[in-house]
Amino acid sequence: MTSFRTLPFRFTSGRTALRRLVALSLLLLLTACATGGKLQTAGRTQVLGLELDTALDWARYASPRQETWTIDGTALNQLRLITGTKPREHVLHVGRERKNAPQGAWYKPGLRPDEQQALLLAALREQGWAEVEADGLRPARFGSADGLRFEFTMASTSGLRYAGTAAMFERDGRLTTIYWQAPVEHYHGRDAAAVAALIDSIRPI
């Protein structure tokens, strides 16, 4: 797979798309703050039955069994924490498996690490991301829970390249998924190490 450092950039269209995303993200972030986003300051915190450390400040937006965290607006960076995924439920909690919809990123307990990884990648493709690829699949331990970690890259519909990192683990027959994404240009490199440390610090309560 192509290294993050050598991903091809479209300097004209890519930078134009990034500038538009910056403007949109600032508008969305201001709107969200006005409608009740919660500030998460750096330090140790508990969320959705997880304990973690963050060296960064975030804006937090919650919905049942999941939260989205962002620093500059979700188009420029977002950390998603999704917990308690039930058997036959979509890994991103956007529905449940039905007889007339057997294909989809539906969670099944006992999946191999590569199958769990494939589940999240399939969900990202369903959301409209292109050129979704992953590497660095490896075991990871989150307190008492065995899980996995990997990195991924993808492209938006405008051609802007993104990179991210993900973690997944099963506990009591349910799945927890954490992933972060940001444009390769500037935002990923700025925060990748701090986000990786945050994910490594996660422990189920």
N, C-alpha and C. Protein backbone atom coordinates (compact mmCIF):
# COMPACT_ATOMS: atom_id res chain seq x y z
N MET A 1 0.84 -1.20 0.00
CA MET A 1 0.00 0.00 0.00
C MET A 1 0.88 1.25 0.00
N THR A 2 0.44 2.31 -0.61
CA THR A 2 1.19 3.56 -0.66
C THR A 2 1.35 4.15 0.73
N SER A 3 2.55 4.60 1.05
CA SER A 3 2.80 5.24 2.33
C SER A 3 2.01 6.53 2.44
N PHE A 4 1.61 6.90 3.69
CA PHE A 4 0.93 8.17 3.91
C PHE A 4 1.78 9.32 3.40
N ARG A 5 3.12 9.19 3.52
CA ARG A 5 3.99 10.29 3.14
C ARG A 5 4.11 10.45 1.63
N THR A 6 3.73 9.41 0.87
CA THR A 6 3.90 9.49 -0.58
C THR A 6 2.57 9.47 -1.32
N LEU A 7 1.48 9.66 -0.59
CA LEU A 7 0.18 9.70 -1.25
C LEU A 7 0.16 10.84 -2.26
N PRO A 8 -0.37 10.60 -3.46
CA PRO A 8 -0.37 11.67 -4.46
C PRO A 8 -1.33 12.78 -4.08
N PHE A 9 -0.88 14.02 -4.23
CA PHE A 9 -1.72 15.18 -3.96
C PHE A 9 -2.14 15.81 -5.29
N ARG A 10 -3.35 16.32 -5.32
CA ARG A 10 -3.77 17.17 -6.42
C ARG A 10 -3.68 18.59 -5.91
N PHE A 11 -2.52 19.26 -6.16
CA PHE A 11 -2.22 20.49 -5.47
C PHE A 11 -3.24 21.59 -5.77
N THR A 12 -3.82 21.59 -6.97
CA THR A 12 -4.79 22.63 -7.28
C THR A 12 -6.16 22.27 -6.74
N SER A 13 -6.73 21.15 -7.24
CA SER A 13 -8.08 20.79 -6.82
C SER A 13 -8.10 20.36 -5.37
N GLY A 14 -7.03 19.69 -4.91
CA GLY A 14 -6.99 19.24 -3.52
C GLY A 14 -6.96 20.41 -2.56
N ARG A 15 -6.13 21.40 -2.83
CA ARG A 15 -6.06 22.57 -1.95
C ARG A 15 -7.34 23.38 -2.01
N THR A 16 -7.95 23.46 -3.19
CA THR A 16 -9.23 24.17 -3.30
C THR A 16 -10.29 23.46 -2.48
N ALA A 17 -10.33 22.13 -2.59
CA ALA A 17 -11.30 21.36 -1.80
C ALA A 17 -11.04 21.53 -0.31
N LEU A 18 -9.76 21.55 0.08
CA LEU A 18 -9.43 21.72 1.49
C LEU A 18 -9.87 23.08 2.00
N ARG A 19 -9.64 24.14 1.20
CA ARG A 19 -10.07 25.48 1.63
C ARG A 19 -11.59 25.53 1.81
N ARG A 20 -12.31 24.88 0.90
CA ARG A 20 -13.77 24.87 1.03
C ARG A 20 -14.19 24.11 2.29
N LEU A 21 -13.49 23.00 2.57
CA LEU A 21 -13.80 22.24 3.77
C LEU A 21 -13.52 23.04 5.03
N VAL A 22 -12.43 23.79 5.03
CA VAL A 22 -12.11 24.63 6.19
C VAL A 22 -13.23 25.63 6.45
N ALA A 23 -13.69 26.30 5.39
CA ALA A 23 -14.76 27.28 5.55
C ALA A 23 -16.05 26.62 6.03
N LEU A 24 -16.38 25.48 5.42
CA LEU A 24 -17.59 24.76 5.82
C LEU A 24 -17.49 24.27 7.25
N SER A 25 -16.33 23.74 7.62
CA SER A 25 -16.15 23.19 8.96
C SER A 25 -16.26 24.27 10.02
N LEU A 26 -15.70 25.44 9.75
CA LEU A 26 -15.81 26.54 10.71
C LEU A 26 -17.27 26.93 10.91
N LEU A 27 -18.03 26.98 9.82
CA LEU A 27 -19.44 27.32 9.91
C LEU A 27 -20.20 26.26 10.71
N LEU A 28 -19.93 24.98 10.41
CA LEU A 28 -20.62 23.90 11.11
C LEU A 28 -20.23 23.86 12.58
N LEU A 29 -18.95 24.11 12.86
CA LEU A 29 -18.50 24.09 14.24
C LEU A 29 -19.15 25.20 15.05
N LEU A 30 -19.24 26.41 14.46
CA LEU A 30 -19.90 27.52 15.15
C LEU A 30 -21.38 27.22 15.38
N THR A 31 -22.02 26.63 14.37
CA THR A 31 -23.44 26.28 14.50
C THR A 31 -23.63 25.23 15.59
N ALA A 32 -22.75 24.21 15.58
CA ALA A 32 -22.87 23.14 16.57
C ALA A 32 -22.64 23.67 17.98
N CYS A 33 -21.65 24.54 18.14
CA CYS A 33 -21.38 25.11 19.47
C CYS A 33 -22.59 25.87 19.99
N ALA A 34 -23.29 26.53 19.06
CA ALA A 34 -24.47 27.30 19.45
C ALA A 34 -25.63 26.40 19.83
N THR A 35 -25.58 25.14 19.43
CA THR A 35 -26.71 24.24 19.70
C THR A 35 -26.35 23.15 20.70
N GLY A 36 -25.30 23.38 21.49
CA GLY A 36 -25.09 22.51 22.64
C GLY A 36 -23.97 21.50 22.57
N GLY A 37 -22.97 21.71 21.73
CA GLY A 37 -21.81 20.84 21.75
C GLY A 37 -21.10 20.96 23.09
N LYS A 38 -20.52 19.84 23.56
CA LYS A 38 -19.86 19.81 24.86
C LYS A 38 -18.36 19.90 24.67
N LEU A 39 -17.68 20.70 25.48
CA LEU A 39 -16.23 20.82 25.40
C LEU A 39 -15.58 19.71 26.22
N GLN A 40 -14.65 19.00 25.60
CA GLN A 40 -13.83 18.01 26.30
C GLN A 40 -12.40 18.53 26.35
N THR A 41 -11.95 18.90 27.54
CA THR A 41 -10.60 19.42 27.68
C THR A 41 -9.61 18.26 27.82
N ALA A 42 -8.34 18.56 27.61
CA ALA A 42 -7.30 17.55 27.72
C ALA A 42 -7.28 16.95 29.13
N GLY A 43 -7.00 15.66 29.19
CA GLY A 43 -6.96 14.98 30.47
C GLY A 43 -7.63 13.62 30.39
N ARG A 44 -7.89 13.02 31.54
CA ARG A 44 -8.52 11.70 31.59
C ARG A 44 -10.03 11.88 31.75
N THR A 45 -10.79 11.08 31.01
CA THR A 45 -12.24 11.20 31.05
C THR A 45 -12.89 9.84 30.83
N GLN A 46 -14.18 9.78 31.09
CA GLN A 46 -14.97 8.57 30.87
C GLN A 46 -16.09 8.90 29.90
N VAL A 47 -16.32 7.99 28.95
CA VAL A 47 -17.36 8.18 27.95
C VAL A 47 -17.85 6.82 27.46
N LEU A 48 -19.16 6.61 27.46
CA LEU A 48 -19.77 5.40 26.88
C LEU A 48 -19.17 4.12 27.45
N GLY A 49 -18.89 4.12 28.75
CA GLY A 49 -18.33 2.92 29.36
C GLY A 49 -16.86 2.71 29.08
N LEU A 50 -16.19 3.76 28.59
CA LEU A 50 -14.76 3.71 28.32
C LEU A 50 -14.06 4.79 29.13
N GLU A 51 -12.80 4.53 29.48
CA GLU A 51 -11.95 5.52 30.11
C GLU A 51 -10.78 5.78 29.17
N LEU A 52 -10.40 7.04 28.99
CA LEU A 52 -9.31 7.36 28.07
C LEU A 52 -8.61 8.63 28.48
N ASP A 53 -7.40 8.82 27.94
CA ASP A 53 -6.60 10.03 28.12
C ASP A 53 -6.52 10.77 26.80
N THR A 54 -6.67 12.09 26.83
CA THR A 54 -6.48 12.89 25.63
C THR A 54 -5.56 14.07 25.92
N ALA A 55 -4.63 14.30 25.02
CA ALA A 55 -3.75 15.46 25.13
C ALA A 55 -4.32 16.66 24.39
N LEU A 56 -5.46 16.47 23.73
CA LEU A 56 -6.08 17.52 22.92
C LEU A 56 -7.42 17.93 23.51
N ASP A 57 -7.87 19.14 23.17
CA ASP A 57 -9.23 19.59 23.50
C ASP A 57 -10.13 19.28 22.31
N TRP A 58 -11.37 18.87 22.60
CA TRP A 58 -12.31 18.47 21.56
C TRP A 58 -13.68 19.11 21.82
N ALA A 59 -14.47 19.18 20.76
CA ALA A 59 -15.91 19.40 20.89
C ALA A 59 -16.57 18.04 20.76
N ARG A 60 -17.48 17.71 21.67
CA ARG A 60 -18.11 16.38 21.72
C ARG A 60 -19.59 16.48 21.37
N TYR A 61 -20.04 15.57 20.52
CA TYR A 61 -21.45 15.51 20.13
C TYR A 61 -21.94 14.09 20.32
N ALA A 62 -22.95 13.92 21.15
CA ALA A 62 -23.39 12.59 21.58
C ALA A 62 -24.70 12.19 20.93
N SER A 63 -24.84 10.89 20.69
CA SER A 63 -26.10 10.25 20.33
C SER A 63 -26.08 8.89 21.00
N PRO A 64 -27.17 8.14 21.01
CA PRO A 64 -27.21 6.89 21.75
C PRO A 64 -26.07 5.94 21.36
N ARG A 65 -25.28 5.54 22.35
CA ARG A 65 -24.21 4.55 22.22
C ARG A 65 -23.06 5.01 21.33
N GLN A 66 -23.00 6.28 21.00
CA GLN A 66 -21.87 6.76 20.21
C GLN A 66 -21.68 8.26 20.40
N GLU A 67 -20.43 8.69 20.17
CA GLU A 67 -20.12 10.12 20.19
C GLU A 67 -19.19 10.43 19.01
N THR A 68 -19.28 11.66 18.54
CA THR A 68 -18.35 12.19 17.54
C THR A 68 -17.61 13.35 18.17
N TRP A 69 -16.28 13.29 18.12
CA TRP A 69 -15.43 14.36 18.65
C TRP A 69 -14.72 15.04 17.49
N THR A 70 -14.54 16.36 17.58
CA THR A 70 -13.82 17.08 16.54
C THR A 70 -13.06 18.26 17.14
N ILE A 71 -12.03 18.68 16.46
CA ILE A 71 -11.24 19.83 16.88
C ILE A 71 -11.54 21.04 16.00
N ASP A 72 -11.57 20.82 14.69
CA ASP A 72 -11.74 21.91 13.73
C ASP A 72 -13.03 21.82 12.93
N GLY A 73 -13.90 20.84 13.22
CA GLY A 73 -15.08 20.57 12.41
C GLY A 73 -14.96 19.19 11.80
N THR A 74 -16.07 18.49 11.67
CA THR A 74 -16.02 17.08 11.30
C THR A 74 -15.48 16.82 9.89
N ALA A 75 -15.53 17.82 9.00
CA ALA A 75 -14.95 17.62 7.68
C ALA A 75 -13.42 17.62 7.72
N LEU A 76 -12.85 18.20 8.79
CA LEU A 76 -11.40 18.32 8.89
C LEU A 76 -10.79 17.32 9.87
N ASN A 77 -11.54 16.88 10.82
CA ASN A 77 -11.10 15.81 11.71
C ASN A 77 -12.28 15.34 12.53
N GLN A 78 -12.38 14.05 12.69
CA GLN A 78 -13.42 13.52 13.56
C GLN A 78 -12.99 12.19 14.14
N LEU A 79 -13.26 12.06 15.42
CA LEU A 79 -13.04 10.83 16.15
C LEU A 79 -14.41 10.27 16.50
N ARG A 80 -14.67 9.04 16.11
CA ARG A 80 -15.96 8.42 16.40
C ARG A 80 -15.77 7.28 17.38
N LEU A 81 -16.57 7.28 18.44
CA LEU A 81 -16.56 6.22 19.44
C LEU A 81 -17.94 5.57 19.41
N ILE A 82 -17.99 4.31 19.02
CA ILE A 82 -19.25 3.60 18.80
C ILE A 82 -19.22 2.34 19.66
N THR A 83 -20.13 2.23 20.60
CA THR A 83 -20.09 1.14 21.56
C THR A 83 -21.38 0.32 21.54
N GLY A 84 -21.29 -0.89 22.08
CA GLY A 84 -22.47 -1.72 22.28
C GLY A 84 -23.14 -2.18 21.00
N THR A 85 -22.37 -2.35 19.91
CA THR A 85 -22.96 -2.83 18.67
C THR A 85 -23.44 -4.26 18.85
N LYS A 86 -24.71 -4.49 18.57
CA LYS A 86 -25.34 -5.80 18.80
C LYS A 86 -25.22 -6.69 17.57
N PRO A 87 -25.35 -8.01 17.76
CA PRO A 87 -25.37 -8.90 16.61
C PRO A 87 -26.44 -8.48 15.60
N ARG A 88 -26.05 -8.49 14.31
CA ARG A 88 -26.91 -8.14 13.18
C ARG A 88 -27.19 -6.64 13.10
N GLU A 89 -26.49 -5.85 13.89
CA GLU A 89 -26.61 -4.39 13.81
C GLU A 89 -25.47 -3.85 12.95
N HIS A 90 -25.72 -2.76 12.24
CA HIS A 90 -24.69 -2.14 11.41
C HIS A 90 -23.57 -1.62 12.30
N VAL A 91 -22.34 -1.76 11.84
CA VAL A 91 -21.19 -1.37 12.65
C VAL A 91 -21.21 0.12 12.98
N LEU A 92 -21.87 0.95 12.16
CA LEU A 92 -21.99 2.38 12.43
C LEU A 92 -23.36 2.76 12.98
N HIS A 93 -24.15 1.75 13.37
CA HIS A 93 -25.46 1.97 13.98
C HIS A 93 -26.42 2.72 13.06
N VAL A 94 -26.44 2.35 11.79
CA VAL A 94 -27.38 2.99 10.86
C VAL A 94 -28.47 2.02 10.42
N GLY A 95 -28.68 0.96 11.16
CA GLY A 95 -29.74 0.03 10.83
C GLY A 95 -29.41 -1.37 11.28
N ARG A 96 -30.33 -2.30 11.01
CA ARG A 96 -30.16 -3.70 11.37
C ARG A 96 -30.36 -4.57 10.14
N GLU A 97 -29.70 -5.72 10.16
CA GLU A 97 -29.82 -6.65 9.05
C GLU A 97 -31.26 -7.14 8.91
N ARG A 98 -31.74 -7.20 7.67
CA ARG A 98 -33.09 -7.68 7.38
C ARG A 98 -33.02 -8.72 6.28
N LYS A 99 -34.05 -9.52 6.16
CA LYS A 99 -34.06 -10.56 5.14
C LYS A 99 -33.94 -9.97 3.74
N ASN A 100 -34.51 -8.79 3.55
CA ASN A 100 -34.45 -8.16 2.23
C ASN A 100 -33.21 -7.28 2.07
N ALA A 101 -32.34 -7.26 3.09
CA ALA A 101 -31.10 -6.49 3.00
C ALA A 101 -29.96 -7.27 3.66
N PRO A 102 -29.63 -8.43 3.08
CA PRO A 102 -28.60 -9.28 3.71
C PRO A 102 -27.19 -8.74 3.57
N GLN A 103 -26.96 -7.89 2.56
CA GLN A 103 -25.63 -7.33 2.35
C GLN A 103 -25.48 -6.03 3.12
N GLY A 104 -24.38 -5.91 3.80
CA GLY A 104 -24.13 -4.69 4.56
C GLY A 104 -23.10 -4.96 5.63
N ALA A 105 -22.67 -3.90 6.28
CA ALA A 105 -21.64 -4.01 7.32
C ALA A 105 -22.28 -4.40 8.65
N TRP A 106 -22.85 -5.60 8.67
CA TRP A 106 -23.57 -6.09 9.84
C TRP A 106 -22.60 -6.82 10.76
N TYR A 107 -22.68 -6.55 12.04
CA TYR A 107 -21.79 -7.18 13.01
C TYR A 107 -22.28 -8.58 13.37
N LYS A 108 -21.33 -9.51 13.42
CA LYS A 108 -21.59 -10.87 13.89
C LYS A 108 -20.52 -11.21 14.93
N PRO A 109 -20.91 -11.68 16.11
CA PRO A 109 -19.91 -11.99 17.14
C PRO A 109 -18.93 -13.06 16.66
N GLY A 110 -17.70 -12.97 17.15
CA GLY A 110 -16.69 -13.98 16.85
C GLY A 110 -15.98 -13.81 15.53
N LEU A 111 -16.09 -12.64 14.89
CA LEU A 111 -15.39 -12.41 13.64
C LEU A 111 -13.88 -12.39 13.87
N ARG A 112 -13.13 -12.89 12.89
CA ARG A 112 -11.67 -12.79 12.95
C ARG A 112 -11.25 -11.32 12.87
N PRO A 113 -10.02 -10.99 13.31
CA PRO A 113 -9.56 -9.60 13.21
C PRO A 113 -9.67 -9.02 11.80
N ASP A 114 -9.29 -9.80 10.78
CA ASP A 114 -9.36 -9.28 9.41
C ASP A 114 -10.81 -9.07 8.98
N GLU A 115 -11.74 -9.88 9.52
CA GLU A 115 -13.15 -9.70 9.19
C GLU A 115 -13.73 -8.46 9.88
N GLN A 116 -13.28 -8.18 11.10
CA GLN A 116 -13.71 -6.96 11.77
C GLN A 116 -13.20 -5.74 11.00
N GLN A 117 -11.94 -5.79 10.58
CA GLN A 117 -11.38 -4.70 9.79
C GLN A 117 -12.20 -4.49 8.51
N ALA A 118 -12.48 -5.59 7.81
CA ALA A 118 -13.25 -5.51 6.56
C ALA A 118 -14.63 -4.92 6.80
N LEU A 119 -15.20 -5.18 7.97
CA LEU A 119 -16.52 -4.65 8.31
C LEU A 119 -16.50 -3.12 8.33
N LEU A 120 -15.51 -2.54 8.98
CA LEU A 120 -15.43 -1.08 9.04
C LEU A 120 -15.12 -0.49 7.67
N LEU A 121 -14.22 -1.11 6.93
CA LEU A 121 -13.90 -0.60 5.59
C LEU A 121 -15.13 -0.63 4.69
N ALA A 122 -15.93 -1.69 4.79
CA ALA A 122 -17.16 -1.77 4.00
C ALA A 122 -18.12 -0.65 4.39
N ALA A 123 -18.20 -0.35 5.68
CA ALA A 123 -19.09 0.71 6.14
C ALA A 123 -18.64 2.07 5.59
N LEU A 124 -17.34 2.31 5.54
CA LEU A 124 -16.83 3.56 4.99
C LEU A 124 -17.17 3.67 3.50
N ARG A 125 -17.03 2.57 2.78
CA ARG A 125 -17.40 2.58 1.35
C ARG A 125 -18.90 2.86 1.20
N GLU A 126 -19.72 2.29 2.06
CA GLU A 126 -21.16 2.54 2.01
C GLU A 126 -21.47 4.02 2.20
N GLN A 127 -20.63 4.72 2.95
CA GLN A 127 -20.84 6.15 3.19
C GLN A 127 -20.42 7.01 2.01
N GLY A 128 -19.83 6.39 0.98
CA GLY A 128 -19.46 7.13 -0.22
C GLY A 128 -17.98 7.41 -0.36
N TRP A 129 -17.16 6.93 0.57
CA TRP A 129 -15.72 7.10 0.45
C TRP A 129 -15.17 6.19 -0.64
N ALA A 130 -14.17 6.67 -1.36
CA ALA A 130 -13.55 5.90 -2.45
C ALA A 130 -12.12 5.53 -2.07
N GLU A 131 -11.59 4.56 -2.80
CA GLU A 131 -10.19 4.14 -2.63
C GLU A 131 -9.87 3.83 -1.17
N VAL A 132 -10.79 3.15 -0.51
CA VAL A 132 -10.61 2.83 0.91
C VAL A 132 -9.64 1.65 1.02
N GLU A 133 -8.52 1.87 1.69
CA GLU A 133 -7.51 0.84 1.88
C GLU A 133 -7.02 0.88 3.31
N ALA A 134 -6.48 -0.26 3.77
CA ALA A 134 -5.99 -0.33 5.15
C ALA A 134 -4.68 -1.09 5.19
N ASP A 135 -3.89 -0.81 6.20
CA ASP A 135 -2.70 -1.61 6.46
C ASP A 135 -2.39 -1.56 7.95
N GLY A 136 -1.37 -2.32 8.35
CA GLY A 136 -0.94 -2.33 9.74
C GLY A 136 -1.88 -3.03 10.69
N LEU A 137 -2.66 -4.01 10.20
CA LEU A 137 -3.55 -4.75 11.10
C LEU A 137 -2.70 -5.49 12.14
N ARG A 138 -3.03 -5.28 13.40
CA ARG A 138 -2.24 -5.85 14.48
C ARG A 138 -3.10 -6.05 15.72
N PRO A 139 -2.71 -6.99 16.58
CA PRO A 139 -3.47 -7.16 17.83
C PRO A 139 -3.22 -5.99 18.77
N ALA A 140 -4.18 -5.72 19.61
CA ALA A 140 -4.05 -4.66 20.61
C ALA A 140 -4.85 -5.08 21.83
N ARG A 141 -4.46 -4.57 22.97
CA ARG A 141 -5.17 -4.89 24.20
C ARG A 141 -5.66 -3.59 24.84
N PHE A 142 -6.92 -3.59 25.22
CA PHE A 142 -7.54 -2.43 25.85
C PHE A 142 -8.01 -2.86 27.24
N GLY A 143 -7.13 -2.71 28.22
CA GLY A 143 -7.45 -3.20 29.56
C GLY A 143 -7.63 -4.70 29.53
N SER A 144 -8.82 -5.16 29.88
CA SER A 144 -9.11 -6.60 29.91
C SER A 144 -9.61 -7.12 28.57
N ALA A 145 -9.72 -6.27 27.57
CA ALA A 145 -10.30 -6.67 26.28
C ALA A 145 -9.23 -6.79 25.20
N ASP A 146 -9.22 -7.92 24.51
CA ASP A 146 -8.34 -8.10 23.36
C ASP A 146 -9.02 -7.53 22.12
N GLY A 147 -8.25 -6.82 21.32
CA GLY A 147 -8.82 -6.22 20.12
C GLY A 147 -7.79 -6.07 19.03
N LEU A 148 -7.99 -5.07 18.19
CA LEU A 148 -7.11 -4.87 17.04
C LEU A 148 -6.94 -3.38 16.77
N ARG A 149 -5.88 -3.05 16.03
CA ARG A 149 -5.62 -1.71 15.56
C ARG A 149 -5.22 -1.79 14.09
N PHE A 150 -5.48 -0.74 13.33
CA PHE A 150 -4.98 -0.62 11.97
C PHE A 150 -5.10 0.83 11.51
N GLU A 151 -4.42 1.15 10.42
CA GLU A 151 -4.51 2.45 9.78
C GLU A 151 -5.24 2.32 8.44
N PHE A 152 -5.77 3.43 7.95
CA PHE A 152 -6.48 3.37 6.67
C PHE A 152 -6.32 4.70 5.92
N THR A 153 -6.57 4.65 4.62
CA THR A 153 -6.62 5.85 3.77
C THR A 153 -7.87 5.77 2.89
N MET A 154 -8.32 6.91 2.41
CA MET A 154 -9.49 6.95 1.55
C MET A 154 -9.56 8.32 0.88
N ALA A 155 -10.49 8.47 -0.05
CA ALA A 155 -10.65 9.73 -0.77
C ALA A 155 -12.11 10.15 -0.74
N SER A 156 -12.32 11.46 -0.62
CA SER A 156 -13.68 12.01 -0.66
C SER A 156 -14.16 12.10 -2.10
N THR A 157 -15.42 12.44 -2.29
CA THR A 157 -15.96 12.58 -3.64
C THR A 157 -15.29 13.71 -4.41
N SER A 158 -14.70 14.68 -3.70
CA SER A 158 -13.98 15.76 -4.36
C SER A 158 -12.53 15.41 -4.64
N GLY A 159 -12.10 14.22 -4.23
CA GLY A 159 -10.73 13.79 -4.48
C GLY A 159 -9.76 14.10 -3.37
N LEU A 160 -10.22 14.70 -2.27
CA LEU A 160 -9.34 15.02 -1.15
C LEU A 160 -8.97 13.74 -0.41
N ARG A 161 -7.67 13.56 -0.16
CA ARG A 161 -7.18 12.35 0.49
C ARG A 161 -7.28 12.48 2.01
N TYR A 162 -7.74 11.41 2.63
CA TYR A 162 -7.83 11.32 4.08
C TYR A 162 -7.03 10.12 4.56
N ALA A 163 -6.57 10.20 5.81
CA ALA A 163 -5.94 9.07 6.47
C ALA A 163 -6.48 8.99 7.88
N GLY A 164 -6.38 7.81 8.46
CA GLY A 164 -6.91 7.65 9.80
C GLY A 164 -6.39 6.41 10.48
N THR A 165 -6.90 6.18 11.67
CA THR A 165 -6.53 5.03 12.46
C THR A 165 -7.77 4.49 13.15
N ALA A 166 -7.78 3.19 13.45
CA ALA A 166 -8.98 2.57 14.00
C ALA A 166 -8.62 1.52 15.04
N ALA A 167 -9.56 1.27 15.91
CA ALA A 167 -9.45 0.21 16.91
C ALA A 167 -10.81 -0.45 17.05
N MET A 168 -10.80 -1.76 17.32
CA MET A 168 -12.05 -2.49 17.51
C MET A 168 -11.81 -3.57 18.55
N PHE A 169 -12.82 -3.83 19.37
CA PHE A 169 -12.73 -4.98 20.29
C PHE A 169 -14.13 -5.43 20.68
N GLU A 170 -14.23 -6.71 21.00
CA GLU A 170 -15.49 -7.31 21.44
C GLU A 170 -15.48 -7.46 22.96
N ARG A 171 -16.64 -7.26 23.53
CA ARG A 171 -16.80 -7.44 24.98
C ARG A 171 -18.24 -7.82 25.26
N ASP A 172 -18.40 -8.94 25.95
CA ASP A 172 -19.74 -9.43 26.32
C ASP A 172 -20.65 -9.57 25.09
N GLY A 173 -20.08 -10.05 23.98
CA GLY A 173 -20.87 -10.29 22.78
C GLY A 173 -21.25 -9.07 22.00
N ARG A 174 -20.66 -7.93 22.32
CA ARG A 174 -20.94 -6.69 21.58
C ARG A 174 -19.62 -6.05 21.14
N LEU A 175 -19.71 -5.21 20.12
CA LEU A 175 -18.52 -4.65 19.50
C LEU A 175 -18.37 -3.16 19.83
N THR A 176 -17.14 -2.76 20.10
CA THR A 176 -16.78 -1.35 20.23
C THR A 176 -15.87 -0.98 19.07
N THR A 177 -16.16 0.12 18.40
CA THR A 177 -15.38 0.61 17.27
C THR A 177 -14.99 2.06 17.52
N ILE A 178 -13.71 2.35 17.37
CA ILE A 178 -13.21 3.72 17.49
C ILE A 178 -12.39 4.02 16.24
N TYR A 179 -12.70 5.10 15.56
CA TYR A 179 -11.85 5.47 14.43
C TYR A 179 -11.78 6.98 14.28
N TRP A 180 -10.65 7.41 13.71
CA TRP A 180 -10.38 8.84 13.52
C TRP A 180 -9.93 9.06 12.08
N GLN A 181 -10.35 10.18 11.50
CA GLN A 181 -9.98 10.50 10.13
C GLN A 181 -9.72 11.99 10.01
N ALA A 182 -8.79 12.34 9.10
CA ALA A 182 -8.46 13.74 8.83
C ALA A 182 -7.80 13.83 7.47
N PRO A 183 -7.89 14.97 6.78
CA PRO A 183 -7.21 15.12 5.50
C PRO A 183 -5.70 14.91 5.66
N VAL A 184 -5.12 14.21 4.68
CA VAL A 184 -3.68 13.96 4.72
C VAL A 184 -2.91 15.27 4.75
N GLU A 185 -3.42 16.25 4.02
CA GLU A 185 -2.74 17.55 3.97
C GLU A 185 -2.96 18.30 5.28
N HIS A 186 -1.92 18.44 6.08
CA HIS A 186 -1.85 19.22 7.31
C HIS A 186 -2.53 18.56 8.51
N TYR A 187 -3.81 18.28 8.46
CA TYR A 187 -4.56 17.91 9.65
C TYR A 187 -4.18 16.53 10.19
N HIS A 188 -3.96 15.57 9.30
CA HIS A 188 -3.59 14.24 9.78
C HIS A 188 -2.24 14.27 10.48
N GLY A 189 -1.26 14.84 9.83
CA GLY A 189 0.07 14.89 10.41
C GLY A 189 0.13 15.66 11.72
N ARG A 190 -0.69 16.69 11.82
CA ARG A 190 -0.69 17.53 13.03
C ARG A 190 -1.10 16.75 14.27
N ASP A 191 -2.11 15.88 14.15
CA ASP A 191 -2.73 15.26 15.32
C ASP A 191 -2.58 13.74 15.40
N ALA A 192 -1.97 13.10 14.41
CA ALA A 192 -1.95 11.64 14.36
C ALA A 192 -1.34 11.02 15.61
N ALA A 193 -0.23 11.53 16.08
CA ALA A 193 0.44 10.93 17.24
C ALA A 193 -0.42 11.06 18.50
N ALA A 194 -1.04 12.24 18.69
CA ALA A 194 -1.87 12.44 19.88
C ALA A 194 -3.11 11.56 19.84
N VAL A 195 -3.70 11.38 18.66
CA VAL A 195 -4.89 10.53 18.56
C VAL A 195 -4.52 9.06 18.77
N ALA A 196 -3.37 8.64 18.23
CA ALA A 196 -2.93 7.26 18.44
C ALA A 196 -2.74 6.98 19.93
N ALA A 197 -2.16 7.94 20.66
CA ALA A 197 -1.98 7.78 22.10
C ALA A 197 -3.32 7.72 22.82
N LEU A 198 -4.27 8.54 22.37
CA LEU A 198 -5.63 8.51 22.96
C LEU A 198 -6.24 7.13 22.79
N ILE A 199 -6.17 6.59 21.58
CA ILE A 199 -6.78 5.27 21.33
C ILE A 199 -6.07 4.19 22.13
N ASP A 200 -4.75 4.26 22.22
CA ASP A 200 -4.01 3.28 22.99
C ASP A 200 -4.38 3.32 24.47
N SER A 201 -4.83 4.47 24.95
CA SER A 201 -5.15 4.62 26.37
C SER A 201 -6.52 4.08 26.74
N ILE A 202 -7.35 3.73 25.77
CA ILE A 202 -8.74 3.34 26.04
C ILE A 202 -8.81 2.07 26.87
N ARG A 203 -9.65 2.11 27.89
CA ARG A 203 -9.91 0.95 28.74
C ARG A 203 -11.40 0.85 29.00
N PRO A 204 -12.01 -0.34 28.83
CA PRO A 204 -13.41 -0.49 29.23
C PRO A 204 -13.53 -0.36 30.74
N ILE A 205 -14.59 0.27 31.19
CA ILE A 205 -14.82 0.46 32.62
C ILE A 205 -15.54 -0.77 33.16
